[in-house]
């Protein structure tokens, strides 16, 4: 099934880290291993190259984590 993607919704590891309240973008890869239900990149060009996620997927996942008490709520992050 094909999925339409809005270019403005694509974010890199730096933006994912900001949404999750992480201080380093490298921690995103640790989250991918720690949380099997975390959204995977919609575009992964391989080791050492950028990966891109969909902002709405990451925001929904993070909201579920907060609801479940798995993480503390972050301060509001401006787009």
N, C-alpha and C. Protein backbone atom coordinates (compact mmCIF):
# COMPACT_ATOMS: atom_id res chain seq x y z
N UNK A 1 0.84 -1.18 0.00
CA UNK A 1 0.00 0.00 0.00
C UNK A 1 0.89 1.25 0.00
N UNK A 2 0.68 2.10 -0.94
CA UNK A 2 1.44 3.34 -1.03
C UNK A 2 0.91 4.36 -0.04
N UNK A 3 1.80 5.18 0.45
CA UNK A 3 1.43 6.20 1.43
C UNK A 3 1.91 7.54 0.92
N UNK A 4 1.03 8.51 0.90
CA UNK A 4 1.41 9.86 0.49
C UNK A 4 2.08 10.55 1.68
N UNK A 5 3.15 11.26 1.39
CA UNK A 5 3.91 11.93 2.42
C UNK A 5 4.03 13.41 2.06
N UNK A 6 3.71 14.27 3.02
CA UNK A 6 3.93 15.70 2.84
C UNK A 6 5.38 16.00 3.18
N UNK A 7 6.06 16.67 2.31
CA UNK A 7 7.47 16.97 2.51
C UNK A 7 7.68 17.73 3.82
N UNK A 8 6.77 18.61 4.17
CA UNK A 8 6.91 19.38 5.41
C UNK A 8 6.83 18.51 6.66
N UNK A 9 6.31 17.29 6.54
CA UNK A 9 6.21 16.38 7.68
C UNK A 9 7.46 15.54 7.88
N UNK A 10 8.41 15.60 6.95
CA UNK A 10 9.63 14.82 7.08
C UNK A 10 10.60 15.50 8.03
N UNK A 11 11.13 14.73 8.97
CA UNK A 11 12.08 15.27 9.95
C UNK A 11 13.27 14.32 10.07
N UNK A 12 14.41 14.88 10.45
CA UNK A 12 15.61 14.07 10.63
C UNK A 12 15.78 13.72 12.11
N UNK A 13 16.86 13.04 12.43
CA UNK A 13 17.09 12.58 13.81
C UNK A 13 17.20 13.75 14.78
N UNK A 14 17.71 14.87 14.33
CA UNK A 14 17.81 16.05 15.19
C UNK A 14 16.43 16.49 15.64
N UNK A 15 15.48 16.56 14.71
CA UNK A 15 14.11 16.97 15.06
C UNK A 15 13.40 15.90 15.89
N UNK A 16 13.65 14.63 15.59
CA UNK A 16 13.07 13.55 16.41
C UNK A 16 13.56 13.71 17.85
N UNK A 17 14.85 13.95 18.02
CA UNK A 17 15.41 14.12 19.36
C UNK A 17 14.75 15.29 20.08
N UNK A 18 14.53 16.40 19.38
CA UNK A 18 13.87 17.56 20.01
C UNK A 18 12.47 17.20 20.47
N UNK A 19 11.72 16.50 19.63
CA UNK A 19 10.35 16.11 19.99
C UNK A 19 10.35 15.21 21.22
N UNK A 20 11.31 14.29 21.28
CA UNK A 20 11.37 13.34 22.39
C UNK A 20 12.03 13.92 23.63
N UNK A 21 12.54 15.15 23.52
CA UNK A 21 13.18 15.77 24.67
C UNK A 21 14.58 15.24 24.92
N UNK A 22 15.23 14.72 23.90
CA UNK A 22 16.59 14.18 24.02
C UNK A 22 17.60 15.28 23.71
N UNK A 23 18.77 15.19 24.33
CA UNK A 23 19.77 16.23 24.11
C UNK A 23 20.65 15.95 22.91
N UNK A 24 20.73 14.69 22.48
CA UNK A 24 21.60 14.33 21.35
C UNK A 24 20.82 13.53 20.31
N UNK A 25 21.03 13.84 19.06
CA UNK A 25 20.33 13.12 17.99
C UNK A 25 20.78 11.66 17.91
N UNK A 26 21.99 11.36 18.38
CA UNK A 26 22.47 9.98 18.34
C UNK A 26 21.66 9.06 19.25
N UNK A 27 21.00 9.63 20.25
CA UNK A 27 20.19 8.84 21.16
C UNK A 27 18.97 8.26 20.46
N UNK A 28 18.56 8.84 19.35
CA UNK A 28 17.41 8.33 18.60
C UNK A 28 17.65 6.87 18.19
N UNK A 29 18.84 6.53 17.76
CA UNK A 29 19.12 5.14 17.37
C UNK A 29 19.01 4.21 18.57
N UNK A 30 19.37 4.67 19.76
CA UNK A 30 19.20 3.86 20.96
C UNK A 30 17.72 3.63 21.25
N UNK A 31 16.91 4.66 21.03
CA UNK A 31 15.46 4.52 21.21
C UNK A 31 14.89 3.50 20.24
N UNK A 32 15.39 3.49 19.02
CA UNK A 32 14.90 2.53 18.03
C UNK A 32 15.13 1.10 18.49
N UNK A 33 16.22 0.85 19.18
CA UNK A 33 16.51 -0.49 19.70
C UNK A 33 15.73 -0.77 20.98
N UNK A 34 15.57 0.23 21.81
CA UNK A 34 14.91 0.07 23.11
C UNK A 34 13.39 -0.08 22.98
N UNK A 35 12.80 0.62 22.01
CA UNK A 35 11.34 0.63 21.86
C UNK A 35 10.95 0.06 20.50
N UNK A 36 10.59 -1.23 20.45
CA UNK A 36 10.24 -1.83 19.15
C UNK A 36 9.02 -1.21 18.48
N UNK A 37 8.18 -0.51 19.27
CA UNK A 37 6.99 0.10 18.69
C UNK A 37 7.24 1.52 18.20
N UNK A 38 8.46 2.03 18.37
CA UNK A 38 8.76 3.37 17.88
C UNK A 38 8.72 3.39 16.36
N UNK A 39 8.12 4.43 15.78
CA UNK A 39 8.07 4.51 14.31
C UNK A 39 9.47 4.44 13.71
N UNK A 40 9.57 3.70 12.64
CA UNK A 40 10.83 3.58 11.92
C UNK A 40 10.91 4.68 10.86
N UNK A 41 12.11 5.00 10.44
CA UNK A 41 12.23 6.02 9.39
C UNK A 41 11.47 5.61 8.13
N UNK A 42 10.88 6.58 7.47
CA UNK A 42 10.21 6.30 6.19
C UNK A 42 11.23 6.32 5.07
N UNK A 43 12.40 6.90 5.35
CA UNK A 43 13.49 6.91 4.38
C UNK A 43 14.79 6.69 5.14
N UNK A 44 15.45 5.59 4.83
CA UNK A 44 16.72 5.26 5.47
C UNK A 44 17.73 4.97 4.37
N UNK A 45 18.69 5.85 4.21
CA UNK A 45 19.66 5.73 3.13
C UNK A 45 20.90 4.93 3.51
N UNK A 46 20.89 4.37 4.70
CA UNK A 46 22.00 3.53 5.11
C UNK A 46 22.91 4.19 6.12
N UNK A 47 23.84 3.41 6.61
CA UNK A 47 24.76 3.85 7.66
C UNK A 47 25.51 5.12 7.26
N UNK A 48 25.52 6.08 8.17
CA UNK A 48 26.22 7.32 7.94
C UNK A 48 25.50 8.30 7.05
N UNK A 49 24.30 7.96 6.62
CA UNK A 49 23.51 8.86 5.77
C UNK A 49 22.21 9.19 6.49
N UNK A 50 21.56 10.26 6.12
CA UNK A 50 20.36 10.70 6.85
C UNK A 50 19.21 9.70 6.76
N UNK A 51 18.46 9.67 7.85
CA UNK A 51 17.19 8.95 7.90
C UNK A 51 16.11 9.99 8.14
N UNK A 52 14.93 9.76 7.61
CA UNK A 52 13.83 10.70 7.78
C UNK A 52 12.60 9.99 8.33
N UNK A 53 11.95 10.63 9.28
CA UNK A 53 10.73 10.14 9.90
C UNK A 53 9.60 11.08 9.55
N UNK A 54 8.37 10.63 9.82
CA UNK A 54 7.21 11.50 9.68
C UNK A 54 6.89 12.11 11.04
N UNK A 55 6.87 13.43 11.10
CA UNK A 55 6.61 14.14 12.35
C UNK A 55 5.33 13.66 13.04
N UNK A 56 4.19 13.52 12.32
CA UNK A 56 2.98 13.09 13.02
C UNK A 56 3.13 11.70 13.66
N UNK A 57 3.87 10.80 13.03
CA UNK A 57 4.08 9.47 13.61
C UNK A 57 4.86 9.56 14.91
N UNK A 58 5.92 10.35 14.92
CA UNK A 58 6.75 10.51 16.12
C UNK A 58 5.95 11.21 17.22
N UNK A 59 5.20 12.24 16.87
CA UNK A 59 4.41 12.96 17.88
C UNK A 59 3.35 12.06 18.50
N UNK A 60 2.66 11.25 17.68
CA UNK A 60 1.66 10.31 18.22
C UNK A 60 2.31 9.28 19.13
N UNK A 61 3.42 8.72 18.70
CA UNK A 61 4.10 7.71 19.49
C UNK A 61 4.55 8.29 20.83
N UNK A 62 5.12 9.48 20.79
CA UNK A 62 5.59 10.10 22.02
C UNK A 62 4.42 10.39 22.97
N UNK A 63 3.31 10.85 22.44
CA UNK A 63 2.14 11.11 23.28
C UNK A 63 1.68 9.82 23.96
N UNK A 64 1.70 8.69 23.24
CA UNK A 64 1.34 7.40 23.85
C UNK A 64 2.32 7.01 24.95
N UNK A 65 3.61 7.29 24.74
CA UNK A 65 4.61 6.98 25.76
C UNK A 65 4.33 7.79 27.03
N UNK A 66 4.00 9.05 26.88
CA UNK A 66 3.71 9.90 28.02
C UNK A 66 2.46 9.40 28.75
N UNK A 67 1.42 9.04 27.98
CA UNK A 67 0.18 8.53 28.58
C UNK A 67 0.44 7.27 29.40
N UNK A 68 1.33 6.43 28.92
CA UNK A 68 1.65 5.17 29.60
C UNK A 68 2.63 5.36 30.75
N UNK A 69 3.12 6.59 30.92
CA UNK A 69 4.06 6.86 31.98
C UNK A 69 5.46 6.36 31.70
N UNK A 70 5.77 6.11 30.45
CA UNK A 70 7.10 5.61 30.08
C UNK A 70 8.15 6.69 29.98
N UNK A 71 7.73 7.92 29.98
CA UNK A 71 8.66 9.03 29.88
C UNK A 71 7.99 10.26 30.48
N UNK A 72 8.78 11.22 30.78
CA UNK A 72 8.18 12.45 31.32
C UNK A 72 7.81 13.39 30.18
N UNK A 73 6.75 14.15 30.35
CA UNK A 73 6.36 15.07 29.28
C UNK A 73 7.45 16.11 29.03
N UNK A 74 7.63 16.46 27.79
CA UNK A 74 8.63 17.45 27.43
C UNK A 74 8.00 18.82 27.43
N UNK A 75 8.87 19.81 27.43
CA UNK A 75 8.37 21.17 27.25
C UNK A 75 7.96 21.33 25.81
N UNK A 76 7.05 22.24 25.55
CA UNK A 76 6.56 22.46 24.18
C UNK A 76 7.71 22.79 23.24
N UNK A 77 7.74 22.10 22.11
CA UNK A 77 8.78 22.34 21.13
C UNK A 77 8.14 22.97 19.90
N UNK A 78 8.60 24.14 19.53
CA UNK A 78 8.06 24.82 18.36
C UNK A 78 8.56 24.14 17.09
N UNK A 79 7.73 24.13 16.08
CA UNK A 79 8.10 23.54 14.80
C UNK A 79 9.04 24.42 14.14
